[in-house]
């Protein structure tokens, strides 16, 4: 399975900060925002990733992340010259995707939950075996800000509506999607919305109408953080800080994930850690793995 990591957009809700730097490069506590979605892909067992960003910002991601070999993965890059919608990612990534199923993750979404890796791997296996897509639902108090999933009394998905004024549930669609290879042709057939974008909701509606969409609910004890505003960015940093200090672990630590998944060796981990010695991030890795 391949993955597309969307790190584009102009981050207008975070102006003036994002006038000079890409939103997904901003720090969330002790690491760049983009580390968190990339760690989710690695936890899912996906090792081939295409990062999509703007003409101005793509070189910054290349400088930060390189080719991914330091974490035992393969990173490639693609420019989205104009913000034409989330679903355009499948058109930009068509050659990269090839004949494989594909995961799409938004670069400003942070996930944290027990056994999330197990849940992700199960979805990957199901996507590889079948022809169904999978989206994730999360309970929110302000669903009108998101794509909203409507269910019947038996829990069957009836509809997905983008930012409705009168939400039919409080289940928001999070920025993580899994699809069979068919999604490329579906995206090609999708017509732009009123705002001139290829909407991911339209893609999901296609799979739903065809009876090819599964919804995984992220329940209690799970955290989904959307970092699109100054307030939510600050809250995300405080959440990560609290978990890391209380539990003595790192969230979104790529070197650690790579080692635990068997993508890289302890020697590679410590080599990366030495470059970061003197920081809480680097010293954490050295203290945890140098014995």
Protein backbone atom coordinates (compact mmCIF):
# COMPACT_ATOMS: atom_id res chain seq x y z
CA UNK A 1 0.00 0.00 0.00
CA UNK A 2 1.13 3.53 -0.83
CA UNK A 3 0.31 6.74 1.05
CA UNK A 4 -0.26 10.37 0.17
CA UNK A 5 0.55 12.96 2.83
CA UNK A 6 -1.06 16.33 2.11
CA UNK A 7 1.02 19.21 3.45
CA UNK A 8 -0.15 22.02 1.18
CA UNK A 9 -2.65 24.83 1.56
CA UNK A 10 -1.92 28.36 2.70
CA UNK A 11 -2.92 27.96 6.35
CA UNK A 12 -4.92 31.18 6.22
CA UNK A 13 -6.53 30.61 9.63
CA UNK A 14 -3.05 30.77 11.14
CA UNK A 15 -1.99 34.04 9.46
CA UNK A 16 0.33 35.90 9.98
CA UNK A 17 2.43 32.94 11.23
CA UNK A 18 1.91 30.91 8.06
CA UNK A 19 2.73 33.79 5.74
CA UNK A 20 6.37 32.76 6.21
CA UNK A 21 6.25 29.03 6.93
CA UNK A 22 4.11 26.06 5.92
CA UNK A 23 1.56 25.15 8.59
CA UNK A 24 2.69 21.51 8.76
CA UNK A 25 6.22 22.64 9.63
CA UNK A 26 5.06 24.50 12.74
CA UNK A 27 6.05 22.90 16.05
CA UNK A 28 3.55 20.87 18.03
CA UNK A 29 5.35 20.79 21.37
CA UNK A 30 8.77 19.26 20.57
CA UNK A 31 8.59 18.24 16.93
CA UNK A 32 7.30 19.50 13.55
CA UNK A 33 3.58 18.92 12.95
CA UNK A 34 4.29 16.73 9.91
CA UNK A 35 6.03 14.14 12.11
CA UNK A 36 2.70 13.10 13.62
CA UNK A 37 0.84 12.05 10.43
CA UNK A 38 4.02 10.49 9.08
CA UNK A 39 4.30 8.38 12.23
CA UNK A 40 0.69 7.22 11.72
CA UNK A 41 1.54 5.96 8.24
CA UNK A 42 4.59 4.14 9.58
CA UNK A 43 2.51 2.58 12.37
CA UNK A 44 0.09 1.36 9.70
CA UNK A 45 2.94 -0.50 8.02
CA UNK A 46 3.12 1.87 5.03
CA UNK A 47 6.67 2.60 3.90
CA UNK A 48 6.20 4.39 0.56
CA UNK A 49 4.92 7.94 0.97
CA UNK A 50 4.34 10.81 -1.45
CA UNK A 51 4.33 14.19 0.30
CA UNK A 52 2.35 16.85 -1.57
CA UNK A 53 2.96 20.53 -0.86
CA UNK A 54 3.17 23.94 -2.51
CA UNK A 55 5.81 25.21 -4.91
CA UNK A 56 7.18 27.53 -2.20
CA UNK A 57 7.28 24.96 0.61
CA UNK A 58 8.27 21.65 -0.97
CA UNK A 59 12.02 22.28 -0.58
CA UNK A 60 11.59 22.82 3.18
CA UNK A 61 10.03 19.38 3.54
CA UNK A 62 12.83 17.83 1.49
CA UNK A 63 15.36 19.50 3.76
CA UNK A 64 13.58 18.31 6.92
CA UNK A 65 12.68 14.75 5.90
CA UNK A 66 15.05 13.82 3.08
CA UNK A 67 14.32 10.57 1.26
CA UNK A 68 13.12 8.82 4.44
CA UNK A 69 15.92 6.24 4.42
CA UNK A 70 16.99 7.28 7.95
CA UNK A 71 13.66 5.77 9.10
CA UNK A 72 13.65 2.84 6.69
CA UNK A 73 10.94 4.31 4.47
CA UNK A 74 10.82 5.90 1.01
CA UNK A 75 9.69 9.50 0.69
CA UNK A 76 8.92 11.21 -2.61
CA UNK A 77 7.61 14.71 -3.24
CA UNK A 78 5.06 16.36 -5.53
CA UNK A 79 4.01 19.99 -6.00
CA UNK A 80 0.37 21.07 -5.87
CA UNK A 81 0.65 24.42 -7.61
CA UNK A 82 -2.88 25.58 -6.75
CA UNK A 83 -5.19 24.48 -3.90
CA UNK A 84 -7.70 22.51 -5.98
CA UNK A 85 -9.04 20.27 -3.25
CA UNK A 86 -8.01 17.26 -1.19
CA UNK A 87 -9.15 14.76 -3.84
CA UNK A 88 -6.73 16.27 -6.38
CA UNK A 89 -4.03 14.39 -4.47
CA UNK A 90 -5.08 11.18 -6.26
CA UNK A 91 -4.55 12.82 -9.65
CA UNK A 92 -1.19 14.26 -8.63
CA UNK A 93 -0.15 10.91 -7.19
CA UNK A 94 -1.48 8.67 -9.97
CA UNK A 95 1.94 7.53 -11.24
CA UNK A 96 3.22 7.05 -7.68
CA UNK A 97 0.16 5.00 -6.67
CA UNK A 98 0.38 2.75 -9.70
CA UNK A 99 -1.78 -0.34 -9.20
CA UNK A 100 -1.71 -0.24 -5.39
CA UNK A 101 -4.37 0.64 -2.82
CA UNK A 102 -3.69 3.97 -1.16
CA UNK A 103 -4.00 5.83 2.14
CA UNK A 104 -4.48 9.60 2.28
CA UNK A 105 -3.68 11.54 5.44
CA UNK A 106 -3.90 15.27 6.06
CA UNK A 107 -0.69 16.78 7.40
CA UNK A 108 -2.38 18.81 10.14
CA UNK A 109 -4.17 15.92 11.87
CA UNK A 110 -2.80 14.36 15.07
CA UNK A 111 -4.02 11.01 16.39
CA UNK A 112 -3.36 9.37 19.74
CA UNK A 113 -4.90 6.22 21.14
CA UNK A 114 -4.13 2.85 22.66
CA UNK A 115 -3.83 0.04 20.09
CA UNK A 116 -4.20 2.49 17.18
CA UNK A 117 -1.42 0.63 15.35
CA UNK A 118 -3.42 -2.61 15.55
CA UNK A 119 -6.55 -0.89 14.22
CA UNK A 120 -4.59 0.69 11.38
CA UNK A 121 -2.95 -2.58 10.33
CA UNK A 122 -6.35 -4.30 10.26
CA UNK A 123 -7.74 -1.58 7.98
CA UNK A 124 -4.69 -1.85 5.70
CA UNK A 125 -5.15 -5.62 5.42
CA UNK A 126 -8.87 -5.24 4.70
CA UNK A 127 -8.21 -2.61 2.03
CA UNK A 128 -5.63 -4.80 0.33
CA UNK A 129 -7.97 -7.80 0.27
CA UNK A 130 -11.19 -6.10 -0.78
CA UNK A 131 -12.53 -3.26 -2.86
CA UNK A 132 -13.88 -1.10 -0.05
CA UNK A 133 -12.67 2.23 1.27
CA UNK A 134 -12.51 3.15 4.95
CA UNK A 135 -13.01 6.48 6.69
CA UNK A 136 -12.84 7.25 10.41
CA UNK A 137 -15.49 8.96 12.52
CA UNK A 138 -14.88 10.89 15.74
CA UNK A 139 -17.38 12.47 18.12
CA UNK A 140 -17.11 16.27 18.24
CA UNK A 141 -19.13 19.03 19.87
CA UNK A 142 -19.05 21.31 16.79
CA UNK A 143 -19.78 18.98 13.83
CA UNK A 144 -20.80 21.85 11.54
CA UNK A 145 -17.08 22.53 11.06
CA UNK A 146 -16.47 19.12 9.47
CA UNK A 147 -17.75 16.46 7.14
CA UNK A 148 -20.53 14.75 9.11
CA UNK A 149 -21.54 11.07 8.97
CA UNK A 150 -25.23 10.20 9.26
CA UNK A 151 -26.15 6.76 10.61
CA UNK A 152 -29.42 4.82 10.82
CA UNK A 153 -30.63 3.15 14.02
CA UNK A 154 -28.59 0.02 13.23
CA UNK A 155 -25.41 2.05 12.80
CA UNK A 156 -25.35 1.80 9.01
CA UNK A 157 -23.90 4.84 7.25
CA UNK A 158 -26.56 6.76 5.33
CA UNK A 159 -24.80 9.93 4.17
CA UNK A 160 -21.77 12.19 4.49
CA UNK A 161 -22.38 15.92 4.40
CA UNK A 162 -19.68 18.59 4.25
CA UNK A 163 -19.93 21.33 6.92
CA UNK A 164 -23.74 21.20 7.28
CA UNK A 165 -25.64 24.00 9.02
CA UNK A 166 -27.90 21.37 10.59
CA UNK A 167 -25.66 18.33 11.32
CA UNK A 168 -27.42 14.95 11.34
CA UNK A 169 -24.97 13.56 13.91
CA UNK A 170 -21.94 14.61 15.94
CA UNK A 171 -19.63 12.18 14.10
CA UNK A 172 -16.98 14.09 12.13
CA UNK A 173 -14.87 12.59 9.36
CA UNK A 174 -11.21 12.82 10.35
CA UNK A 175 -8.34 13.43 7.93
CA UNK A 176 -7.37 9.79 7.37
CA UNK A 177 -8.71 7.70 4.46
CA UNK A 178 -8.01 4.27 2.95
CA UNK A 179 -9.08 3.30 -0.56
CA UNK A 180 -8.69 0.57 -3.17
CA UNK A 181 -6.88 1.57 -6.36
CA UNK A 182 -10.24 2.47 -7.90
CA UNK A 183 -10.09 5.80 -6.08
CA UNK A 184 -7.87 7.26 -8.81
CA UNK A 185 -10.54 6.79 -11.48
CA UNK A 186 -13.22 8.00 -9.04
CA UNK A 187 -11.26 11.22 -8.44
CA UNK A 188 -10.89 11.71 -12.20
CA UNK A 189 -14.66 11.54 -12.61
CA UNK A 190 -15.36 13.92 -9.71
CA UNK A 191 -16.58 17.37 -10.73
CA UNK A 192 -15.34 20.47 -8.87
CA UNK A 193 -17.57 21.88 -6.14
CA UNK A 194 -18.99 25.40 -6.04
CA UNK A 195 -15.69 26.61 -4.62
CA UNK A 196 -13.83 25.04 -7.55
CA UNK A 197 -12.25 22.15 -5.62
CA UNK A 198 -12.26 18.38 -5.93
CA UNK A 199 -13.83 17.48 -2.59
CA UNK A 200 -12.89 14.35 -0.67
CA UNK A 201 -16.53 14.18 0.47
CA UNK A 202 -17.59 13.59 -3.14
CA UNK A 203 -15.16 10.67 -3.37
CA UNK A 204 -16.50 9.21 -0.13
CA UNK A 205 -20.09 9.65 -1.32
CA UNK A 206 -19.25 7.69 -4.49
CA UNK A 207 -17.94 4.74 -2.47
CA UNK A 208 -20.89 4.99 -0.05
CA UNK A 209 -23.50 4.88 -2.83
CA UNK A 210 -21.71 1.90 -4.36
CA UNK A 211 -21.82 0.08 -1.01
CA UNK A 212 -18.04 0.18 -0.80
CA UNK A 213 -17.38 2.36 2.24
CA UNK A 214 -16.62 1.25 5.79
CA UNK A 215 -16.68 3.62 8.77
CA UNK A 216 -14.35 2.97 11.70
CA UNK A 217 -15.31 4.84 14.86
CA UNK A 218 -12.57 6.24 17.07
CA UNK A 219 -14.09 5.85 20.53
CA UNK A 220 -13.58 7.09 24.05
CA UNK A 221 -10.01 7.38 25.19
CA UNK A 222 -8.92 8.32 21.69
CA UNK A 223 -7.70 11.80 20.76
CA UNK A 224 -8.00 13.42 17.36
CA UNK A 225 -6.53 16.90 17.19
CA UNK A 226 -7.09 19.25 14.26
CA UNK A 227 -4.46 22.01 14.37
CA UNK A 228 -6.05 24.51 12.00
CA UNK A 229 -6.42 27.46 14.40
CA UNK A 230 -4.13 29.22 16.87
CA UNK A 231 -6.20 27.84 19.77
CA UNK A 232 -6.23 24.24 18.52
CA UNK A 233 -2.51 24.37 17.72
CA UNK A 234 -1.75 25.50 21.28
CA UNK A 235 -4.10 22.86 22.72
CA UNK A 236 -2.41 20.14 20.66
CA UNK A 237 1.01 21.14 21.96
CA UNK A 238 -0.24 21.14 25.55
CA UNK A 239 -1.85 17.71 25.06
CA UNK A 240 1.35 16.20 23.65
CA UNK A 241 3.41 17.77 26.45
CA UNK A 242 1.10 16.37 29.13
CA UNK A 243 1.13 12.81 27.75
CA UNK A 244 4.89 12.79 27.19
CA UNK A 245 5.75 14.17 30.62
CA UNK A 246 3.27 11.96 32.49
CA UNK A 247 4.11 8.71 30.69
CA UNK A 248 7.75 9.29 29.81
CA UNK A 249 7.17 8.37 26.16
CA UNK A 250 7.30 10.29 22.90
CA UNK A 251 4.36 10.63 20.50
CA UNK A 252 5.21 10.87 16.81
CA UNK A 253 8.88 9.96 17.34
CA UNK A 254 9.85 8.67 13.90
CA UNK A 255 13.13 7.05 14.95
CA UNK A 256 11.37 5.08 17.67
CA UNK A 257 8.50 3.99 15.43
CA UNK A 258 10.96 2.88 12.72
CA UNK A 259 12.92 0.80 15.22
CA UNK A 260 9.85 -0.75 16.85
CA UNK A 261 8.37 -1.67 13.45
CA UNK A 262 11.64 -3.20 12.29
CA UNK A 263 12.26 -0.62 9.55
CA UNK A 264 15.62 0.42 11.02
CA UNK A 265 18.19 -0.88 13.49
CA UNK A 266 19.10 0.36 16.96
CA UNK A 267 22.39 1.60 15.44
CA UNK A 268 20.48 3.74 12.94
CA UNK A 269 18.26 5.06 15.72
CA UNK A 270 21.21 6.06 17.88
CA UNK A 271 22.99 7.63 14.91
CA UNK A 272 19.98 9.87 14.34
CA UNK A 273 19.71 10.54 18.07
CA UNK A 274 23.33 11.76 18.26
CA UNK A 275 22.49 14.48 15.74
CA UNK A 276 19.82 15.71 18.15
CA UNK A 277 21.86 15.33 21.35
CA UNK A 278 21.18 18.09 23.84
CA UNK A 279 17.49 18.32 22.95
CA UNK A 280 14.69 16.58 24.86
CA UNK A 281 13.92 14.60 21.68
CA UNK A 282 17.47 13.37 21.09
CA UNK A 283 18.26 12.76 24.75
CA UNK A 284 15.06 10.71 25.12
CA UNK A 285 16.23 8.33 22.37
CA UNK A 286 19.78 8.10 23.74
CA UNK A 287 18.63 7.38 27.30
CA UNK A 288 16.02 4.86 26.19
CA UNK A 289 18.02 2.88 23.64
CA UNK A 290 21.76 3.24 24.39
CA UNK A 291 21.97 0.19 26.65
